[in-house]
Amino acid sequence: MSEAPAEQDLRLICLRCDRVLRAKATWEGREANCPFCGSVIRVPERPPPGKIARAKAPSSSRRAFNFPCPHCETMLEADTGLIGEAASCPTCTARFRVPHLSGLRRLPAQAELISAPEAKEQPAHAFAASGEQAPQIVRDATGEMQIRCPYCSHLNDIDVDACDNCNAPFTMEGASSTSKVRGRSDATTSLIAGILSLPLFFAVVPGVLAVWFGGRSVAATNLSRVPLMAGIGAGLGFLSLIGAGVYYTL
């Protein structure tokens, strides 16, 4: 949507992520995917000069679903009207076909990879090809370099992967992926099991689960917050196992 010539562009705001997009004037009334959050939107009519129109909701007959990029595993979103269409991942630029839904639960199948980019072609930033939408490197009053978020203007440390304020990803590591989603889920499970394992230490099972899921979370993701949750859960589980050992020994 951002590659159209400026004189043919119309500007609109995504319904889901509130980011400013560009679309060709000939796309009025057409449904498309937001290149940043992946949600399905309908391009509105051209607004008056100087105004930015808000995108319209897609047809209610379409169903949105999430699936991972077959190359980098970044979580993407499409709808049933786009099944079988060729698309590009906004993070790694890989080309693929939107998967179909299968089974009684209508879950997405594995997306078909059409072409994988060479390593040198992969953008360093998730929005590196977005012009003014790309993160900006600036210096603060003390001369320290920081990253200015293009969406909320929050200043972040130079080495972060995502905005501390709105969570917009700055790098490929900051984009959501299946491994990170799994890591967050395992970390939450570990923490809950760890808390339950203390009063139920004699049951042993909660402690074992806390340690198991904590280890899986640390192995699945390198996000600093997730291993902290997993570490707390695993630590509580380990303490409960020690208590269970003492209890059954005595």
C-alpha atoms as a PDB file:
ATOM      1  CA  MET A   1       0.000   0.000   0.000  1.00  0.00           C
ATOM      2  CA  SER A   2       2.940   2.366   0.552  1.00  0.00           C
ATOM      3  CA  GLU A   3       4.517   1.988  -2.907  1.00  0.00           C
ATOM      4  CA  ALA A   4       1.963   4.061  -4.864  1.00  0.00           C
ATOM      5  CA  PRO A   5       3.110   7.384  -6.365  1.00  0.00           C
ATOM      6  CA  ALA A   6       2.415  10.312  -4.055  1.00  0.00           C
ATOM      7  CA  GLU A   7       0.005  12.046  -6.471  1.00  0.00           C
ATOM      8  CA  GLN A   8      -2.200   8.931  -6.576  1.00  0.00           C
ATOM      9  CA  ASP A   9      -2.087   8.213  -2.862  1.00  0.00           C
ATOM     10  CA  LEU A  10      -4.839   8.663  -0.345  1.00  0.00           C
ATOM     11  CA  ARG A  11      -4.053   8.552   3.370  1.00  0.00           C
ATOM     12  CA  LEU A  12      -6.090   6.556   5.872  1.00  0.00           C
ATOM     13  CA  ILE A  13      -5.881   5.363   9.462  1.00  0.00           C
ATOM     14  CA  CYS A  14      -5.978   1.637  10.305  1.00  0.00           C
ATOM     15  CA  LEU A  15      -8.969   0.575  12.413  1.00  0.00           C
ATOM     16  CA  ARG A  16      -6.879  -1.675  14.628  1.00  0.00           C
ATOM     17  CA  CYS A  17      -3.421  -0.138  15.123  1.00  0.00           C
ATOM     18  CA  ASP A  18      -4.266   3.532  14.317  1.00  0.00           C
ATOM     19  CA  ARG A  19      -1.249   3.873  12.034  1.00  0.00           C
ATOM     20  CA  VAL A  20      -1.341   6.128   8.997  1.00  0.00           C
ATOM     21  CA  LEU A  21      -1.313   4.181   5.714  1.00  0.00           C
ATOM     22  CA  ARG A  22      -1.191   5.059   2.028  1.00  0.00           C
ATOM     23  CA  ALA A  23      -3.314   3.429  -0.674  1.00  0.00           C
ATOM     24  CA  LYS A  24      -3.879   4.018  -4.374  1.00  0.00           C
ATOM     25  CA  ALA A  25      -6.920   6.104  -5.218  1.00  0.00           C
ATOM     26  CA  THR A  26      -8.153   3.253  -7.408  1.00  0.00           C
ATOM     27  CA  TRP A  27      -8.417   1.062  -4.289  1.00  0.00           C
ATOM     28  CA  GLU A  28     -11.457   2.928  -2.908  1.00  0.00           C
ATOM     29  CA  GLY A  29     -13.917   0.359  -1.554  1.00  0.00           C
ATOM     30  CA  ARG A  30     -11.381  -2.467  -1.851  1.00  0.00           C
ATOM     31  CA  GLU A  31     -10.383  -4.639   1.092  1.00  0.00           C
ATOM     32  CA  ALA A  32      -6.698  -4.994   1.962  1.00  0.00           C
ATOM     33  CA  ASN A  33      -4.374  -5.931   4.814  1.00  0.00           C
ATOM     34  CA  CYS A  34      -2.665  -3.356   7.014  1.00  0.00           C
ATOM     35  CA  PRO A  35       1.081  -3.891   6.411  1.00  0.00           C
ATOM     36  CA  PHE A  36       1.846  -3.290  10.093  1.00  0.00           C
ATOM     37  CA  CYS A  37      -0.746  -5.202  12.148  1.00  0.00           C
ATOM     38  CA  GLY A  38      -2.080  -7.435   9.345  1.00  0.00           C
ATOM     39  CA  SER A  39      -5.763  -6.684  10.020  1.00  0.00           C
ATOM     40  CA  VAL A  40      -8.237  -6.560   7.142  1.00  0.00           C
ATOM     41  CA  ILE A  41      -9.546  -3.075   6.332  1.00  0.00           C
ATOM     42  CA  ARG A  42     -11.673  -1.514   3.583  1.00  0.00           C
ATOM     43  CA  VAL A  43     -10.209   1.530   1.820  1.00  0.00           C
ATOM     44  CA  PRO A  44     -12.581   4.524   2.223  1.00  0.00           C
ATOM     45  CA  GLU A  45     -13.357   7.226  -0.299  1.00  0.00           C
ATOM     46  CA  ARG A  46     -10.764   9.953  -0.769  1.00  0.00           C
ATOM     47  CA  PRO A  47     -11.112  12.495   2.075  1.00  0.00           C
ATOM     48  CA  PRO A  48     -11.102  16.283   1.556  1.00  0.00           C
ATOM     49  CA  PRO A  49      -7.657  17.876   1.049  1.00  0.00           C
ATOM     50  CA  GLY A  50      -5.662  17.951   4.268  1.00  0.00           C
ATOM     51  CA  LYS A  51      -7.842  15.319   5.942  1.00  0.00           C
ATOM     52  CA  ILE A  52      -7.038  11.691   6.762  1.00  0.00           C
ATOM     53  CA  ALA A  53      -9.949   9.252   6.499  1.00  0.00           C
ATOM     54  CA  ARG A  54     -10.386   6.311   8.854  1.00  0.00           C
ATOM     55  CA  ALA A  55     -10.431   2.873   7.244  1.00  0.00           C
ATOM     56  CA  LYS A  56     -13.764   1.080   7.101  1.00  0.00           C
ATOM     57  CA  ALA A  57     -14.519  -2.341   8.526  1.00  0.00           C
ATOM     58  CA  PRO A  58     -14.288  -5.301   6.114  1.00  0.00           C
ATOM     59  CA  SER A  59     -17.269  -7.306   4.985  1.00  0.00           C
ATOM     60  CA  SER A  60     -18.847  -9.192   7.885  1.00  0.00           C
ATOM     61  CA  SER A  61     -18.876 -12.393   5.839  1.00  0.00           C
ATOM     62  CA  ARG A  62     -15.092 -12.653   6.131  1.00  0.00           C
ATOM     63  CA  ARG A  63     -13.368 -14.265   9.092  1.00  0.00           C
ATOM     64  CA  ALA A  64      -9.967 -13.071  10.317  1.00  0.00           C
ATOM     65  CA  PHE A  65      -7.352 -15.571  11.513  1.00  0.00           C
ATOM     66  CA  ASN A  66      -3.683 -15.616  12.517  1.00  0.00           C
ATOM     67  CA  PHE A  67      -0.891 -17.760  11.136  1.00  0.00           C
ATOM     68  CA  PRO A  68       2.930 -17.726  11.273  1.00  0.00           C
ATOM     69  CA  CYS A  69       5.146 -16.637   8.400  1.00  0.00           C
ATOM     70  CA  PRO A  70       6.608 -19.867   6.948  1.00  0.00           C
ATOM     71  CA  HIS A  71      10.075 -18.272   6.873  1.00  0.00           C
ATOM     72  CA  CYS A  72      10.572 -16.194  10.058  1.00  0.00           C
ATOM     73  CA  GLU A  73       7.528 -17.301  12.143  1.00  0.00           C
ATOM     74  CA  THR A  74       6.299 -13.743  12.668  1.00  0.00           C
ATOM     75  CA  MET A  75       2.593 -13.872  13.545  1.00  0.00           C
ATOM     76  CA  LEU A  76       0.494 -12.506  10.673  1.00  0.00           C
ATOM     77  CA  GLU A  77      -3.231 -11.949  10.153  1.00  0.00           C
ATOM     78  CA  ALA A  78      -5.392 -12.572   7.102  1.00  0.00           C
ATOM     79  CA  ASP A  79      -9.050 -13.272   6.421  1.00  0.00           C
ATOM     80  CA  THR A  80     -10.946 -15.973   4.579  1.00  0.00           C
ATOM     81  CA  GLY A  81     -11.314 -13.769   1.522  1.00  0.00           C
ATOM     82  CA  LEU A  82      -7.532 -13.820   1.025  1.00  0.00           C
ATOM     83  CA  ILE A  83      -7.029 -17.604   1.214  1.00  0.00           C
ATOM     84  CA  GLY A  84      -4.739 -18.775  -1.571  1.00  0.00           C
ATOM     85  CA  GLU A  85      -3.559 -15.241  -2.425  1.00  0.00           C
ATOM     86  CA  ALA A  86       0.161 -14.465  -2.646  1.00  0.00           C
ATOM     87  CA  ALA A  87       1.447 -12.085   0.042  1.00  0.00           C
ATOM     88  CA  SER A  88       4.672 -10.802   1.581  1.00  0.00           C
ATOM     89  CA  CYS A  89       5.780 -10.898   5.198  1.00  0.00           C
ATOM     90  CA  PRO A  90       6.348  -7.298   6.431  1.00  0.00           C
ATOM     91  CA  THR A  91       9.204  -8.486   8.652  1.00  0.00           C
ATOM     92  CA  CYS A  92      11.395 -10.727   6.473  1.00  0.00           C
ATOM     93  CA  THR A  93       9.858  -9.969   3.000  1.00  0.00           C
ATOM     94  CA  ALA A  94       9.340 -13.680   2.256  1.00  0.00           C
ATOM     95  CA  ARG A  95       6.623 -14.448  -0.325  1.00  0.00           C
ATOM     96  CA  PHE A  96       3.948 -17.015   0.556  1.00  0.00           C
ATOM     97  CA  ARG A  97       0.355 -18.013  -0.076  1.00  0.00           C
ATOM     98  CA  VAL A  98      -2.259 -17.337   2.601  1.00  0.00           C
ATOM     99  CA  PRO A  99      -3.148 -20.748   4.081  1.00  0.00           C
ATOM    100  CA  HIS A 100      -6.579 -22.328   4.092  1.00  0.00           C
ATOM    101  CA  LEU A 101      -8.507 -23.352   7.212  1.00  0.00           C
ATOM    102  CA  SER A 102      -8.959 -27.032   7.900  1.00  0.00           C
ATOM    103  CA  GLY A 103     -10.489 -29.401  10.432  1.00  0.00           C
ATOM    104  CA  LEU A 104     -13.547 -29.054  12.624  1.00  0.00           C
ATOM    105  CA  ARG A 105     -11.949 -26.163  14.498  1.00  0.00           C
ATOM    106  CA  ARG A 106     -11.120 -24.378  11.212  1.00  0.00           C
ATOM    107  CA  LEU A 107      -7.449 -23.868  12.100  1.00  0.00           C
ATOM    108  CA  PRO A 108      -4.988 -22.465   9.523  1.00  0.00           C
ATOM    109  CA  ALA A 109      -2.730 -24.913   7.718  1.00  0.00           C
ATOM    110  CA  GLN A 110       0.966 -24.258   7.084  1.00  0.00           C
ATOM    111  CA  ALA A 111       1.414 -21.343   4.690  1.00  0.00           C
ATOM    112  CA  GLU A 112       3.069 -22.279   1.385  1.00  0.00           C
ATOM    113  CA  LEU A 113       6.447 -20.555   1.015  1.00  0.00           C
ATOM    114  CA  ILE A 114       6.862 -19.130  -2.498  1.00  0.00           C
ATOM    115  CA  SER A 115      10.286 -17.560  -2.108  1.00  0.00           C
ATOM    116  CA  ALA A 116      12.596 -16.874   0.823  1.00  0.00           C
ATOM    117  CA  PRO A 117      14.733 -13.728   0.840  1.00  0.00           C
ATOM    118  CA  GLU A 118      18.499 -13.847   0.943  1.00  0.00           C
ATOM    119  CA  ALA A 119      19.946 -12.989   4.342  1.00  0.00           C
ATOM    120  CA  LYS A 120      21.356  -9.699   3.067  1.00  0.00           C
ATOM    121  CA  GLU A 121      17.889  -8.633   1.873  1.00  0.00           C
ATOM    122  CA  GLN A 122      16.202  -9.084   5.225  1.00  0.00           C
ATOM    123  CA  PRO A 123      15.471  -5.650   6.720  1.00  0.00           C
ATOM    124  CA  ALA A 124      17.113  -4.772  10.018  1.00  0.00           C
ATOM    125  CA  HIS A 125      13.864  -3.148  11.133  1.00  0.00           C
ATOM    126  CA  ALA A 126      10.359  -4.452  10.753  1.00  0.00           C
ATOM    127  CA  PHE A 127       9.360  -1.141   9.136  1.00  0.00           C
ATOM    128  CA  ALA A 128      12.633  -0.498   7.275  1.00  0.00           C
ATOM    129  CA  ALA A 129      10.820  -0.316   3.931  1.00  0.00           C
ATOM    130  CA  SER A 130       8.175   2.070   5.210  1.00  0.00           C
ATOM    131  CA  GLY A 131       9.894   5.430   4.743  1.00  0.00           C
ATOM    132  CA  GLU A 132       8.540   7.856   7.311  1.00  0.00           C
ATOM    133  CA  GLN A 133       7.060   4.958   9.272  1.00  0.00           C
ATOM    134  CA  ALA A 134      10.545   3.599  10.081  1.00  0.00           C
ATOM    135  CA  PRO A 135      12.041   4.122  13.568  1.00  0.00           C
ATOM    136  CA  GLN A 136      14.304   7.172  13.806  1.00  0.00           C
ATOM    137  CA  ILE A 137      17.670   7.367  15.540  1.00  0.00           C
ATOM    138  CA  VAL A 138      17.967  10.679  17.422  1.00  0.00           C
ATOM    139  CA  ARG A 139      20.190  12.208  20.121  1.00  0.00           C
ATOM    140  CA  ASP A 140      18.853  13.538  23.399  1.00  0.00           C
ATOM    141  CA  ALA A 141      20.039  16.631  25.258  1.00  0.00           C
ATOM    142  CA  THR A 142      23.053  14.747  26.664  1.00  0.00           C
ATOM    143  CA  GLY A 143      24.113  13.459  23.243  1.00  0.00           C
ATOM    144  CA  GLU A 144      22.995   9.873  23.878  1.00  0.00           C
ATOM    145  CA  MET A 145      21.475   8.089  20.871  1.00  0.00           C
ATOM    146  CA  GLN A 146      17.878   6.899  21.235  1.00  0.00           C
ATOM    147  CA  ILE A 147      15.167   5.408  19.041  1.00  0.00           C
ATOM    148  CA  ARG A 148      12.097   7.582  18.468  1.00  0.00           C
ATOM    149  CA  CYS A 149       8.959   5.526  17.910  1.00  0.00           C
ATOM    150  CA  PRO A 150       7.267   6.682  14.674  1.00  0.00           C
ATOM    151  CA  TYR A 151       3.796   6.004  16.120  1.00  0.00           C
ATOM    152  CA  CYS A 152       3.805   7.360  19.678  1.00  0.00           C
ATOM    153  CA  SER A 153       7.044   9.473  19.522  1.00  0.00           C
ATOM    154  CA  HIS A 154       8.318   7.836  22.714  1.00  0.00           C
ATOM    155  CA  LEU A 155      12.116   7.860  23.095  1.00  0.00           C
ATOM    156  CA  ASN A 156      13.621   4.430  23.743  1.00  0.00           C
ATOM    157  CA  ASP A 157      17.078   3.115  24.555  1.00  0.00           C
ATOM    158  CA  ILE A 158      19.137   2.478  21.438  1.00  0.00           C
ATOM    159  CA  ASP A 159      19.371  -1.293  21.994  1.00  0.00           C
ATOM    160  CA  VAL A 160      15.660  -2.150  22.477  1.00  0.00           C
ATOM    161  CA  ASP A 161      13.760  -4.328  19.981  1.00  0.00           C
ATOM    162  CA  ALA A 162      10.325  -2.746  20.560  1.00  0.00           C
ATOM    163  CA  CYS A 163       8.849   0.507  21.882  1.00  0.00           C
ATOM    164  CA  ASP A 164       8.528   0.546  25.677  1.00  0.00           C
ATOM    165  CA  ASN A 165       5.327   2.596  25.394  1.00  0.00           C
ATOM    166  CA  CYS A 166       3.246   1.077  22.546  1.00  0.00           C
ATOM    167  CA  ASN A 167       5.163  -2.178  21.852  1.00  0.00           C
ATOM    168  CA  ALA A 168       5.672  -1.367  18.146  1.00  0.00           C
ATOM    169  CA  PRO A 169       8.554  -3.573  16.950  1.00  0.00           C
ATOM    170  CA  PHE A 170      11.790  -1.900  15.832  1.00  0.00           C
ATOM    171  CA  THR A 171      13.667  -5.049  14.825  1.00  0.00           C
ATOM    172  CA  MET A 172      12.829  -8.531  13.609  1.00  0.00           C
ATOM    173  CA  GLU A 173      13.483  -9.786  17.154  1.00  0.00           C
ATOM    174  CA  GLY A 174      10.774  -7.413  18.406  1.00  0.00           C
ATOM    175  CA  ALA A 175       8.086  -8.806  16.108  1.00  0.00           C
ATOM    176  CA  SER A 176       5.705 -11.414  17.501  1.00  0.00           C
ATOM    177  CA  SER A 177       6.526 -14.970  16.469  1.00  0.00           C
ATOM    178  CA  THR A 178       5.173 -18.411  17.276  1.00  0.00           C
ATOM    179  CA  SER A 179       8.144 -19.185  19.528  1.00  0.00           C
ATOM    180  CA  LYS A 180       7.625 -15.978  21.530  1.00  0.00           C
ATOM    181  CA  VAL A 181       3.891 -16.583  21.880  1.00  0.00           C
ATOM    182  CA  ARG A 182       4.639 -20.117  23.068  1.00  0.00           C
ATOM    183  CA  GLY A 183       7.304 -18.760  25.429  1.00  0.00           C
ATOM    184  CA  ARG A 184       4.859 -16.302  27.017  1.00  0.00           C
ATOM    185  CA  SER A 185       2.246 -19.022  27.463  1.00  0.00           C
ATOM    186  CA  ASP A 186       4.755 -21.398  29.058  1.00  0.00           C
ATOM    187  CA  ALA A 187       6.042 -18.635  31.347  1.00  0.00           C
ATOM    188  CA  THR A 188       2.532 -17.858  32.577  1.00  0.00           C
ATOM    189  CA  THR A 189       1.828 -21.558  33.159  1.00  0.00           C
ATOM    190  CA  SER A 190       5.107 -21.920  35.052  1.00  0.00           C
ATOM    191  CA  LEU A 191       4.334 -18.976  37.317  1.00  0.00           C
ATOM    192  CA  ILE A 192       0.804 -20.220  38.121  1.00  0.00           C
ATOM    193  CA  ALA A 193       2.033 -23.755  38.767  1.00  0.00           C
ATOM    194  CA  GLY A 194       4.865 -22.397  40.911  1.00  0.00           C
ATOM    195  CA  ILE A 195       2.499 -20.397  43.104  1.00  0.00           C
ATOM    196  CA  LEU A 196       0.193 -23.402  43.537  1.00  0.00           C
ATOM    197  CA  SER A 197       3.115 -25.711  44.246  1.00  0.00           C
ATOM    198  CA  LEU A 198       3.959 -24.060  47.587  1.00  0.00           C
ATOM    199  CA  PRO A 199       0.740 -24.901  49.463  1.00  0.00           C
ATOM    200  CA  LEU A 200       0.447 -28.168  47.512  1.00  0.00           C
ATOM    201  CA  PHE A 201       4.108 -29.202  47.804  1.00  0.00           C
ATOM    202  CA  PHE A 202       3.130 -32.687  49.004  1.00  0.00           C
ATOM    203  CA  ALA A 203       1.402 -33.331  45.651  1.00  0.00           C
ATOM    204  CA  VAL A 204       4.742 -32.940  43.783  1.00  0.00           C
ATOM    205  CA  VAL A 205       3.025 -32.549  40.382  1.00  0.00           C
ATOM    206  CA  PRO A 206       2.587 -28.710  40.513  1.00  0.00           C
ATOM    207  CA  GLY A 207       6.280 -28.317  41.305  1.00  0.00           C
ATOM    208  CA  VAL A 208       7.314 -30.560  38.428  1.00  0.00           C
ATOM    209  CA  LEU A 209       5.050 -28.645  36.028  1.00  0.00           C
ATOM    210  CA  ALA A 210       6.432 -25.290  37.199  1.00  0.00           C
ATOM    211  CA  VAL A 211      10.011 -26.389  36.535  1.00  0.00           C
ATOM    212  CA  TRP A 212       9.117 -28.022  33.205  1.00  0.00           C
ATOM    213  CA  PHE A 213       7.190 -25.089  31.733  1.00  0.00           C
ATOM    214  CA  GLY A 214       9.737 -22.603  33.074  1.00  0.00           C
ATOM    215  CA  GLY A 215      12.513 -24.406  31.239  1.00  0.00           C
ATOM    216  CA  ARG A 216      10.477 -24.537  28.021  1.00  0.00           C
ATOM    217  CA  SER A 217       9.776 -20.803  28.191  1.00  0.00           C
ATOM    218  CA  VAL A 218      13.439 -19.895  28.596  1.00  0.00           C
ATOM    219  CA  ALA A 219      14.335 -22.179  25.683  1.00  0.00           C
ATOM    220  CA  ALA A 220      11.598 -20.722  23.424  1.00  0.00           C
ATOM    221  CA  THR A 221      12.309 -16.997  23.763  1.00  0.00           C
ATOM    222  CA  ASN A 222      14.997 -14.540  24.782  1.00  0.00           C
ATOM    223  CA  LEU A 223      12.633 -11.745  25.874  1.00  0.00           C
ATOM    224  CA  SER A 224      13.833 -10.388  29.214  1.00  0.00           C
ATOM    225  CA  ARG A 225      10.381 -10.287  30.829  1.00  0.00           C
ATOM    226  CA  VAL A 226       9.357 -13.796  29.894  1.00  0.00           C
ATOM    227  CA  PRO A 227      12.364 -15.626  31.408  1.00  0.00           C
ATOM    228  CA  LEU A 228      11.862 -13.562  34.593  1.00  0.00           C
ATOM    229  CA  MET A 229       8.307 -14.915  34.976  1.00  0.00           C
ATOM    230  CA  ALA A 230       9.492 -18.381  34.048  1.00  0.00           C
ATOM    231  CA  GLY A 231      12.419 -18.130  36.475  1.00  0.00           C
ATOM    232  CA  ILE A 232      10.124 -17.171  39.351  1.00  0.00           C
ATOM    233  CA  GLY A 233       7.727 -20.025  38.551  1.00  0.00           C
ATOM    234  CA  ALA A 234      10.519 -22.566  38.168  1.00  0.00           C
ATOM    235  CA  GLY A 235      12.182 -21.336  41.364  1.00  0.00           C
ATOM    236  CA  LEU A 236       8.975 -21.727  43.368  1.00  0.00           C
ATOM    237  CA  GLY A 237       8.470 -25.163  41.851  1.00  0.00           C
ATOM    238  CA  PHE A 238      12.009 -26.183  42.770  1.00  0.00           C
ATOM    239  CA  LEU A 239      11.485 -25.040  46.372  1.00  0.00           C
ATOM    240  CA  SER A 240       8.254 -27.039  46.581  1.00  0.00           C
ATOM    241  CA  LEU A 241      10.066 -30.144  45.324  1.00  0.00           C
ATOM    242  CA  ILE A 242      12.694 -29.694  48.014  1.00  0.00           C
ATOM    243  CA  GLY A 243       9.918 -29.373  50.575  1.00  0.00           C
ATOM    244  CA  ALA A 244       8.239 -32.498  49.222  1.00  0.00           C
ATOM    245  CA  GLY A 245      11.530 -34.406  49.472  1.00  0.00           C
ATOM    246  CA  VAL A 246      11.985 -33.379  53.100  1.00  0.00           C
ATOM    247  CA  TYR A 247       8.343 -34.152  53.880  1.00  0.00           C
ATOM    248  CA  TYR A 248       8.410 -37.687  52.474  1.00  0.00           C
ATOM    249  CA  THR A 249      11.871 -38.382  53.915  1.00  0.00           C
ATOM    250  CA  LEU A 250      10.737 -37.537  57.436  1.00  0.00           C
END
